[in-house]
Amino acid sequence: MKVVIIGGGWSGCAAAISSKKAGADVTVIEKTDLLLGLGNVGGIMRNNGRYTASEELIALGGGELIEITDRVSTHTNIDFPGHKHATLYNVNMIEGEVHKYLTSLGINLMMESRVSDVKFENGKIKGVYLSDDTYITGDVFIETTGTTGPMGNCLRYGNGCSMCILRCPAFGPRISISERCGVSDIQGETNNDSLGAMSGSCKLAKESLSEEIRTELDSKGVVVLKVPVEDINYEKLNTKVCQQYALKEFAENIILLDTGHAR
């Protein structure tokens, strides 16, 4: 059985591992030069219900990716607004560790390879075309490219796809394979019903922070800084798709996390 996975984020990597363990010949097609997608930004695992999910995955024999994040964690059992007992993993290390593990399993990783079209006949996917006209066949096709929408939403609605970490225009636009097979995407929306997603977080070089803040961040994993009352803007929370970051505390404070960088 040949399984072709389109998209090498967390979902794509998890699907690849499960497929390989089931005995399939597995190929992952990833348009950028990095696996894990937003996993190279997030840096958070085991927070809230993810703790239970992580332990269940490990107990069921599918916890390899959880164990890797545990291994490269910078802090464990961290609490901050909207999050309990979070593990913060090092985003500078995670991709290399996952890449190495998938390669060790014999999974074929096609990096910087963008799917541009699909051959769909009689309700079945026959194969996919890459942007360089390469044609890849398979028995099973799994799309894990995400559905928060294309980077064009940045320009159209002012709400990007949150994929800036993937150097947005550098590797070409996302193509929805499911859409081309007649299954519409469920796109992310903000509170005012406009399409697109806004993360509300950014990466800071630790060297840009004061020594006092940097020391506290290194030791505790989180620093909460009060925003001056005159600068608090609760309306900004309405632009966030991820509701765990749309709490009033994220308007009233700057919350810094140690994920290798300062997030």
C-alpha atoms as a PDB file:
ATOM      1  CA  MET A   1       0.000   0.000   0.000  1.00  0.00           C
ATOM      2  CA  LYS A   2       1.438   3.365  -1.046  1.00  0.00           C
ATOM      3  CA  VAL A   3       0.315   6.289   1.115  1.00  0.00           C
ATOM      4  CA  VAL A   4       0.965   9.837  -0.116  1.00  0.00           C
ATOM      5  CA  ILE A   5       0.629  12.616   2.452  1.00  0.00           C
ATOM      6  CA  ILE A   6       0.311  16.200   1.258  1.00  0.00           C
ATOM      7  CA  GLY A   7       1.616  18.568   3.911  1.00  0.00           C
ATOM      8  CA  GLY A   8       4.345  17.929   6.471  1.00  0.00           C
ATOM      9  CA  GLY A   9       2.997  19.710   9.537  1.00  0.00           C
ATOM     10  CA  TRP A  10       2.209  17.991  12.840  1.00  0.00           C
ATOM     11  CA  SER A  11      -0.759  16.185  11.266  1.00  0.00           C
ATOM     12  CA  GLY A  12       1.182  15.096   8.215  1.00  0.00           C
ATOM     13  CA  CYS A  13       4.064  13.771  10.306  1.00  0.00           C
ATOM     14  CA  ALA A  14       1.666  11.919  12.625  1.00  0.00           C
ATOM     15  CA  ALA A  15      -0.149  10.396   9.626  1.00  0.00           C
ATOM     16  CA  ALA A  16       3.196   9.360   8.136  1.00  0.00           C
ATOM     17  CA  ILE A  17       4.320   7.589  11.318  1.00  0.00           C
ATOM     18  CA  SER A  18       0.983   5.776  11.739  1.00  0.00           C
ATOM     19  CA  SER A  19       0.945   4.715   8.093  1.00  0.00           C
ATOM     20  CA  LYS A  20       4.517   3.444   8.246  1.00  0.00           C
ATOM     21  CA  LYS A  21       3.851   1.464  11.425  1.00  0.00           C
ATOM     22  CA  ALA A  22       0.870  -0.115   9.633  1.00  0.00           C
ATOM     23  CA  GLY A  23       3.250  -1.377   6.939  1.00  0.00           C
ATOM     24  CA  ALA A  24       2.690   1.158   4.167  1.00  0.00           C
ATOM     25  CA  ASP A  25       5.182   2.704   1.772  1.00  0.00           C
ATOM     26  CA  VAL A  26       4.922   6.369   2.834  1.00  0.00           C
ATOM     27  CA  THR A  27       5.772   9.594   1.018  1.00  0.00           C
ATOM     28  CA  VAL A  28       5.331  13.064   2.539  1.00  0.00           C
ATOM     29  CA  ILE A  29       5.150  15.998   0.119  1.00  0.00           C
ATOM     30  CA  GLU A  30       6.011  19.300   1.819  1.00  0.00           C
ATOM     31  CA  LYS A  31       6.216  22.554  -0.118  1.00  0.00           C
ATOM     32  CA  THR A  32       8.657  24.292   2.254  1.00  0.00           C
ATOM     33  CA  ASP A  33      12.096  23.270   3.501  1.00  0.00           C
ATOM     34  CA  LEU A  34      10.843  22.516   7.030  1.00  0.00           C
ATOM     35  CA  LEU A  35       8.566  19.904   8.514  1.00  0.00           C
ATOM     36  CA  LEU A  36       6.053  20.753  11.278  1.00  0.00           C
ATOM     37  CA  GLY A  37       4.665  24.017   9.907  1.00  0.00           C
ATOM     38  CA  LEU A  38       3.421  26.088  12.830  1.00  0.00           C
ATOM     39  CA  GLY A  39       5.062  23.594  15.151  1.00  0.00           C
ATOM     40  CA  ASN A  40       8.183  25.645  14.452  1.00  0.00           C
ATOM     41  CA  VAL A  41       6.477  28.612  16.104  1.00  0.00           C
ATOM     42  CA  GLY A  42       4.019  27.329  18.706  1.00  0.00           C
ATOM     43  CA  GLY A  43       6.361  25.712  21.195  1.00  0.00           C
ATOM     44  CA  ILE A  44       3.485  24.626  23.461  1.00  0.00           C
ATOM     45  CA  MET A  45       2.385  21.068  24.234  1.00  0.00           C
ATOM     46  CA  ARG A  46       0.470  19.263  27.008  1.00  0.00           C
ATOM     47  CA  ASN A  47      -1.513  22.398  27.868  1.00  0.00           C
ATOM     48  CA  ASN A  48      -5.049  21.946  29.168  1.00  0.00           C
ATOM     49  CA  GLY A  49      -6.790  19.012  27.436  1.00  0.00           C
ATOM     50  CA  ARG A  50      -3.697  18.281  25.401  1.00  0.00           C
ATOM     51  CA  TYR A  51      -2.168  16.746  28.516  1.00  0.00           C
ATOM     52  CA  THR A  52      -4.804  14.017  28.592  1.00  0.00           C
ATOM     53  CA  ALA A  53      -4.581  13.585  24.824  1.00  0.00           C
ATOM     54  CA  SER A  54      -0.784  13.271  25.039  1.00  0.00           C
ATOM     55  CA  GLU A  55      -0.948  10.595  27.725  1.00  0.00           C
ATOM     56  CA  GLU A  56      -3.619   8.707  25.774  1.00  0.00           C
ATOM     57  CA  LEU A  57      -1.480   8.760  22.633  1.00  0.00           C
ATOM     58  CA  ILE A  58       1.501   7.379  24.520  1.00  0.00           C
ATOM     59  CA  ALA A  59      -0.631   4.669  26.180  1.00  0.00           C
ATOM     60  CA  LEU A  60      -2.061   3.662  22.796  1.00  0.00           C
ATOM     61  CA  GLY A  61       1.401   3.352  21.269  1.00  0.00           C
ATOM     62  CA  GLY A  62       1.255   6.476  19.135  1.00  0.00           C
ATOM     63  CA  GLY A  63       3.113   8.972  21.256  1.00  0.00           C
ATOM     64  CA  GLU A  64       6.386   9.306  19.364  1.00  0.00           C
ATOM     65  CA  LEU A  65       5.911  12.985  18.527  1.00  0.00           C
ATOM     66  CA  ILE A  66       4.846  13.785  22.101  1.00  0.00           C
ATOM     67  CA  GLU A  67       7.951  12.072  23.420  1.00  0.00           C
ATOM     68  CA  ILE A  68      10.132  14.104  21.047  1.00  0.00           C
ATOM     69  CA  THR A  69       8.611  17.395  22.262  1.00  0.00           C
ATOM     70  CA  ASP A  70       9.154  16.255  25.849  1.00  0.00           C
ATOM     71  CA  ARG A  71      12.789  15.552  25.050  1.00  0.00           C
ATOM     72  CA  VAL A  72      13.442  19.043  23.677  1.00  0.00           C
ATOM     73  CA  SER A  73      11.334  20.902  26.230  1.00  0.00           C
ATOM     74  CA  THR A  74      12.653  24.074  27.832  1.00  0.00           C
ATOM     75  CA  HIS A  75      10.121  24.175  30.701  1.00  0.00           C
ATOM     76  CA  THR A  76       7.380  21.917  32.054  1.00  0.00           C
ATOM     77  CA  ASN A  77       4.217  22.484  34.099  1.00  0.00           C
ATOM     78  CA  ILE A  78       3.930  26.167  33.177  1.00  0.00           C
ATOM     79  CA  ASP A  79       0.735  28.156  33.875  1.00  0.00           C
ATOM     80  CA  PHE A  80      -0.252  31.390  32.127  1.00  0.00           C
ATOM     81  CA  PRO A  81      -3.647  32.898  31.176  1.00  0.00           C
ATOM     82  CA  GLY A  82      -5.820  30.339  29.429  1.00  0.00           C
ATOM     83  CA  HIS A  83      -3.227  27.587  29.859  1.00  0.00           C
ATOM     84  CA  LYS A  84      -2.494  25.108  32.618  1.00  0.00           C
ATOM     85  CA  HIS A  85       0.450  22.694  33.093  1.00  0.00           C
ATOM     86  CA  ALA A  86       1.934  23.501  29.667  1.00  0.00           C
ATOM     87  CA  THR A  87       5.184  22.107  28.358  1.00  0.00           C
ATOM     88  CA  LEU A  88       7.248  24.615  26.377  1.00  0.00           C
ATOM     89  CA  TYR A  89       9.468  22.971  23.768  1.00  0.00           C
ATOM     90  CA  ASN A  90      12.447  24.457  21.942  1.00  0.00           C
ATOM     91  CA  VAL A  91      11.324  25.518  18.454  1.00  0.00           C
ATOM     92  CA  ASN A  92      14.960  25.700  17.353  1.00  0.00           C
ATOM     93  CA  MET A  93      15.401  21.958  17.912  1.00  0.00           C
ATOM     94  CA  ILE A  94      12.046  20.324  17.228  1.00  0.00           C
ATOM     95  CA  GLU A  95      12.096  20.185  13.418  1.00  0.00           C
ATOM     96  CA  GLY A  96      15.497  18.542  13.230  1.00  0.00           C
ATOM     97  CA  GLU A  97      14.523  15.874  15.742  1.00  0.00           C
ATOM     98  CA  VAL A  98      11.263  15.033  13.960  1.00  0.00           C
ATOM     99  CA  HIS A  99      12.950  15.068  10.540  1.00  0.00           C
ATOM    100  CA  LYS A 100      15.604  12.664  11.823  1.00  0.00           C
ATOM    101  CA  TYR A 101      12.979  10.323  13.307  1.00  0.00           C
ATOM    102  CA  LEU A 102      10.831  10.140  10.168  1.00  0.00           C
ATOM    103  CA  THR A 103      13.908   9.487   8.059  1.00  0.00           C
ATOM    104  CA  SER A 104      14.980   6.683  10.420  1.00  0.00           C
ATOM    105  CA  LEU A 105      11.630   4.965   9.797  1.00  0.00           C
ATOM    106  CA  GLY A 106      12.254   4.971   6.051  1.00  0.00           C
ATOM    107  CA  ILE A 107       9.598   7.566   5.279  1.00  0.00           C
ATOM    108  CA  ASN A 108      10.260   9.330   1.969  1.00  0.00           C
ATOM    109  CA  LEU A 109      10.350  13.095   2.566  1.00  0.00           C
ATOM    110  CA  MET A 110       9.917  15.247  -0.531  1.00  0.00           C
ATOM    111  CA  MET A 111      10.851  18.717   0.705  1.00  0.00           C
ATOM    112  CA  GLU A 112      10.365  21.922  -1.315  1.00  0.00           C
ATOM    113  CA  SER A 113       7.844  20.006  -3.442  1.00  0.00           C
ATOM    114  CA  ARG A 114       4.511  21.762  -3.983  1.00  0.00           C
ATOM    115  CA  VAL A 115       1.412  19.912  -5.151  1.00  0.00           C
ATOM    116  CA  SER A 116      -0.260  22.017  -7.831  1.00  0.00           C
ATOM    117  CA  ASP A 117      -3.076  19.762  -9.076  1.00  0.00           C
ATOM    118  CA  VAL A 118      -4.751  16.397  -8.675  1.00  0.00           C
ATOM    119  CA  LYS A 119      -5.937  13.714 -11.090  1.00  0.00           C
ATOM    120  CA  PHE A 120      -9.433  12.836  -9.893  1.00  0.00           C
ATOM    121  CA  GLU A 121     -11.511  10.295 -11.814  1.00  0.00           C
ATOM    122  CA  ASN A 122     -14.717   8.428 -10.906  1.00  0.00           C
ATOM    123  CA  GLY A 123     -14.598   9.589  -7.296  1.00  0.00           C
ATOM    124  CA  LYS A 124     -11.027   8.433  -6.771  1.00  0.00           C
ATOM    125  CA  ILE A 125      -7.699  10.261  -6.648  1.00  0.00           C
ATOM    126  CA  LYS A 126      -5.322   8.665  -9.135  1.00  0.00           C
ATOM    127  CA  GLY A 127      -2.344  10.897  -8.458  1.00  0.00           C
ATOM    128  CA  VAL A 128      -1.065  14.407  -7.803  1.00  0.00           C
ATOM    129  CA  TYR A 129       0.996  16.771  -9.934  1.00  0.00           C
ATOM    130  CA  LEU A 130       3.830  18.825  -8.514  1.00  0.00           C
ATOM    131  CA  SER A 131       4.703  22.341  -9.634  1.00  0.00           C
ATOM    132  CA  ASP A 132       7.630  20.915 -11.638  1.00  0.00           C
ATOM    133  CA  ASP A 133       5.156  18.625 -13.517  1.00  0.00           C
ATOM    134  CA  THR A 134       6.227  15.496 -11.637  1.00  0.00           C
ATOM    135  CA  TYR A 135       3.285  13.075 -11.347  1.00  0.00           C
ATOM    136  CA  ILE A 136       2.994  10.908  -8.220  1.00  0.00           C
ATOM    137  CA  THR A 137       0.614   7.973  -7.928  1.00  0.00           C
ATOM    138  CA  GLY A 138      -0.583   6.240  -4.781  1.00  0.00           C
ATOM    139  CA  ASP A 139      -3.233   4.038  -3.206  1.00  0.00           C
ATOM    140  CA  VAL A 140      -4.200   6.453  -0.433  1.00  0.00           C
ATOM    141  CA  PHE A 141      -3.877  10.258  -0.403  1.00  0.00           C
ATOM    142  CA  ILE A 142      -4.045  12.214   2.850  1.00  0.00           C
ATOM    143  CA  GLU A 143      -4.272  15.994   2.765  1.00  0.00           C
ATOM    144  CA  THR A 144      -2.965  17.794   5.855  1.00  0.00           C
ATOM    145  CA  THR A 145      -2.311  21.249   4.430  1.00  0.00           C
ATOM    146  CA  GLY A 146      -4.649  23.041   6.838  1.00  0.00           C
ATOM    147  CA  THR A 147      -7.808  24.960   6.049  1.00  0.00           C
ATOM    148  CA  THR A 148      -7.397  28.405   7.585  1.00  0.00           C
ATOM    149  CA  GLY A 149      -7.148  29.672   4.061  1.00  0.00           C
ATOM    150  CA  PRO A 150      -4.546  30.868   1.591  1.00  0.00           C
ATOM    151  CA  MET A 151      -2.114  33.689   2.164  1.00  0.00           C
ATOM    152  CA  GLY A 152      -4.279  35.836  -0.126  1.00  0.00           C
ATOM    153  CA  ASN A 153      -6.517  36.336   2.916  1.00  0.00           C
ATOM    154  CA  CYS A 154      -3.755  38.582   4.243  1.00  0.00           C
ATOM    155  CA  LEU A 155      -4.366  41.055   1.448  1.00  0.00           C
ATOM    156  CA  ARG A 156      -8.108  40.529   1.072  1.00  0.00           C
ATOM    157  CA  TYR A 157      -9.253  40.601   4.687  1.00  0.00           C
ATOM    158  CA  GLY A 158      -6.272  41.744   6.712  1.00  0.00           C
ATOM    159  CA  ASN A 159      -6.247  38.350   8.412  1.00  0.00           C
ATOM    160  CA  GLY A 160      -3.428  36.114   7.324  1.00  0.00           C
ATOM    161  CA  CYS A 161      -3.264  32.340   7.388  1.00  0.00           C
ATOM    162  CA  SER A 162      -0.845  32.467  10.344  1.00  0.00           C
ATOM    163  CA  MET A 163       1.752  30.787   8.153  1.00  0.00           C
ATOM    164  CA  CYS A 164       4.262  33.624   7.988  1.00  0.00           C
ATOM    165  CA  ILE A 165       6.819  31.303   9.590  1.00  0.00           C
ATOM    166  CA  LEU A 166       6.800  29.381   6.304  1.00  0.00           C
ATOM    167  CA  ARG A 167       8.081  32.466   4.492  1.00  0.00           C
ATOM    168  CA  CYS A 168       4.704  32.900   2.863  1.00  0.00           C
ATOM    169  CA  PRO A 169       5.388  33.764  -0.812  1.00  0.00           C
ATOM    170  CA  ALA A 170       8.707  31.922  -1.014  1.00  0.00           C
ATOM    171  CA  PHE A 171       7.275  28.460  -1.695  1.00  0.00           C
ATOM    172  CA  GLY A 172       4.084  29.308  -3.569  1.00  0.00           C
ATOM    173  CA  PRO A 173       0.425  29.297  -2.511  1.00  0.00           C
ATOM    174  CA  ARG A 174      -1.473  26.498  -0.820  1.00  0.00           C
ATOM    175  CA  ILE A 175      -3.555  24.347  -3.149  1.00  0.00           C
ATOM    176  CA  SER A 176      -6.599  22.611  -1.648  1.00  0.00           C
ATOM    177  CA  ILE A 177      -6.633  19.044  -2.924  1.00  0.00           C
ATOM    178  CA  SER A 178      -9.942  18.334  -1.207  1.00  0.00           C
ATOM    179  CA  GLU A 179     -11.518  21.391  -2.880  1.00  0.00           C
ATOM    180  CA  ARG A 180     -10.424  20.113  -6.287  1.00  0.00           C
ATOM    181  CA  CYS A 181     -12.119  16.812  -5.475  1.00  0.00           C
ATOM    182  CA  GLY A 182     -15.409  18.540  -4.672  1.00  0.00           C
ATOM    183  CA  VAL A 183     -15.082  18.778  -0.878  1.00  0.00           C
ATOM    184  CA  SER A 184     -15.086  22.408   0.268  1.00  0.00           C
ATOM    185  CA  ASP A 185     -12.726  23.586   2.994  1.00  0.00           C
ATOM    186  CA  ILE A 186     -14.088  24.844   6.282  1.00  0.00           C
ATOM    187  CA  GLN A 187     -12.173  28.100   6.518  1.00  0.00           C
ATOM    188  CA  GLY A 188     -11.186  29.844   9.715  1.00  0.00           C
ATOM    189  CA  GLU A 189     -13.136  32.981  10.607  1.00  0.00           C
ATOM    190  CA  THR A 190     -12.713  35.774  13.112  1.00  0.00           C
ATOM    191  CA  ASN A 191     -15.490  36.937  15.445  1.00  0.00           C
ATOM    192  CA  ASN A 192     -16.763  39.408  12.848  1.00  0.00           C
ATOM    193  CA  ASP A 193     -17.145  36.582  10.298  1.00  0.00           C
ATOM    194  CA  SER A 194     -14.323  37.707   8.040  1.00  0.00           C
ATOM    195  CA  LEU A 195     -12.170  34.916   6.643  1.00  0.00           C
ATOM    196  CA  GLY A 196      -8.636  34.286   7.745  1.00  0.00           C
ATOM    197  CA  ALA A 197      -6.785  33.749  10.995  1.00  0.00           C
ATOM    198  CA  MET A 198      -4.798  36.073  13.220  1.00  0.00           C
ATOM    199  CA  SER A 199      -2.450  34.516  15.728  1.00  0.00           C
ATOM    200  CA  GLY A 200      -1.658  37.516  17.900  1.00  0.00           C
ATOM    201  CA  SER A 201       1.818  36.282  18.805  1.00  0.00           C
ATOM    202  CA  CYS A 202       5.259  36.994  17.425  1.00  0.00           C
ATOM    203  CA  LYS A 203       8.849  35.908  17.935  1.00  0.00           C
ATOM    204  CA  LEU A 204      11.377  38.085  19.750  1.00  0.00           C
ATOM    205  CA  ALA A 205      15.107  37.537  19.991  1.00  0.00           C
ATOM    206  CA  LYS A 206      15.936  37.090  23.652  1.00  0.00           C
ATOM    207  CA  GLU A 207      18.917  39.380  23.166  1.00  0.00           C
ATOM    208  CA  SER A 208      16.473  42.249  22.532  1.00  0.00           C
ATOM    209  CA  LEU A 209      15.025  41.944  26.042  1.00  0.00           C
ATOM    210  CA  SER A 210      16.367  43.492  29.212  1.00  0.00           C
ATOM    211  CA  GLU A 211      18.628  41.329  31.344  1.00  0.00           C
ATOM    212  CA  GLU A 212      16.010  41.333  34.130  1.00  0.00           C
ATOM    213  CA  ILE A 213      13.259  40.006  31.841  1.00  0.00           C
ATOM    214  CA  ARG A 214      15.594  37.539  30.155  1.00  0.00           C
ATOM    215  CA  THR A 215      16.719  36.098  33.500  1.00  0.00           C
ATOM    216  CA  GLU A 216      13.131  35.625  34.690  1.00  0.00           C
ATOM    217  CA  LEU A 217      12.136  34.086  31.347  1.00  0.00           C
ATOM    218  CA  ASP A 218      15.007  31.598  31.455  1.00  0.00           C
ATOM    219  CA  SER A 219      14.232  30.540  35.025  1.00  0.00           C
ATOM    220  CA  LYS A 220      10.412  30.508  35.039  1.00  0.00           C
ATOM    221  CA  GLY A 221       9.543  30.026  31.366  1.00  0.00           C
ATOM    222  CA  VAL A 222       6.941  32.824  31.394  1.00  0.00           C
ATOM    223  CA  VAL A 223       6.970  36.562  32.084  1.00  0.00           C
ATOM    224  CA  VAL A 224       3.773  38.630  32.359  1.00  0.00           C
ATOM    225  CA  LEU A 225       4.157  42.380  31.753  1.00  0.00           C
ATOM    226  CA  LYS A 226       1.293  44.800  32.413  1.00  0.00           C
ATOM    227  CA  VAL A 227       0.162  46.955  29.492  1.00  0.00           C
ATOM    228  CA  PRO A 228      -0.397  50.634  30.475  1.00  0.00           C
ATOM    229  CA  VAL A 229      -4.128  51.222  30.995  1.00  0.00           C
ATOM    230  CA  GLU A 230      -4.275  53.857  28.256  1.00  0.00           C
ATOM    231  CA  ASP A 231      -2.897  51.329  25.717  1.00  0.00           C
ATOM    232  CA  ILE A 232      -5.289  48.454  26.440  1.00  0.00           C
ATOM    233  CA  ASN A 233      -7.468  47.630  23.412  1.00  0.00           C
ATOM    234  CA  TYR A 234     -10.014  44.882  23.995  1.00  0.00           C
ATOM    235  CA  GLU A 235     -11.345  45.206  20.432  1.00  0.00           C
ATOM    236  CA  LYS A 236      -8.151  43.613  19.128  1.00  0.00           C
ATOM    237  CA  LEU A 237      -9.242  40.342  20.728  1.00  0.00           C
ATOM    238  CA  ASN A 238     -12.038  40.043  18.148  1.00  0.00           C
ATOM    239  CA  THR A 239      -9.502  39.512  15.369  1.00  0.00           C
ATOM    240  CA  LYS A 240      -8.135  36.326  16.944  1.00  0.00           C
ATOM    241  CA  VAL A 241      -9.352  32.984  15.690  1.00  0.00           C
ATOM    242  CA  CYS A 242      -7.738  30.975  18.483  1.00  0.00           C
ATOM    243  CA  GLN A 243     -10.020  31.631  21.450  1.00  0.00           C
ATOM    244  CA  GLN A 244      -7.484  30.569  24.062  1.00  0.00           C
ATOM    245  CA  TYR A 245      -5.583  33.742  23.147  1.00  0.00           C
ATOM    246  CA  ALA A 246      -8.695  35.931  22.936  1.00  0.00           C
ATOM    247  CA  LEU A 247      -8.976  36.307  26.705  1.00  0.00           C
ATOM    248  CA  LYS A 248      -8.968  39.785  28.238  1.00  0.00           C
ATOM    249  CA  GLU A 249      -5.633  38.976  29.914  1.00  0.00           C
ATOM    250  CA  PHE A 250      -4.009  39.044  26.475  1.00  0.00           C
ATOM    251  CA  ALA A 251      -5.147  42.632  25.987  1.00  0.00           C
ATOM    252  CA  GLU A 252      -4.113  43.692  29.478  1.00  0.00           C
ATOM    253  CA  ASN A 253      -0.681  42.059  29.433  1.00  0.00           C
ATOM    254  CA  ILE A 254       2.248  41.159  27.243  1.00  0.00           C
ATOM    255  CA  ILE A 255       2.875  37.493  27.957  1.00  0.00           C
ATOM    256  CA  LEU A 256       6.328  36.199  27.046  1.00  0.00           C
ATOM    257  CA  LEU A 257       7.118  32.480  26.779  1.00  0.00           C
ATOM    258  CA  ASP A 258      10.500  30.781  26.539  1.00  0.00           C
ATOM    259  CA  THR A 259      10.352  28.503  23.488  1.00  0.00           C
ATOM    260  CA  GLY A 260      14.020  28.815  22.619  1.00  0.00           C
ATOM    261  CA  HIS A 261      13.227  32.331  21.452  1.00  0.00           C
ATOM    262  CA  ALA A 262      10.897  34.640  23.344  1.00  0.00           C
ATOM    263  CA  ARG A 263       7.372  34.191  22.046  1.00  0.00           C
END
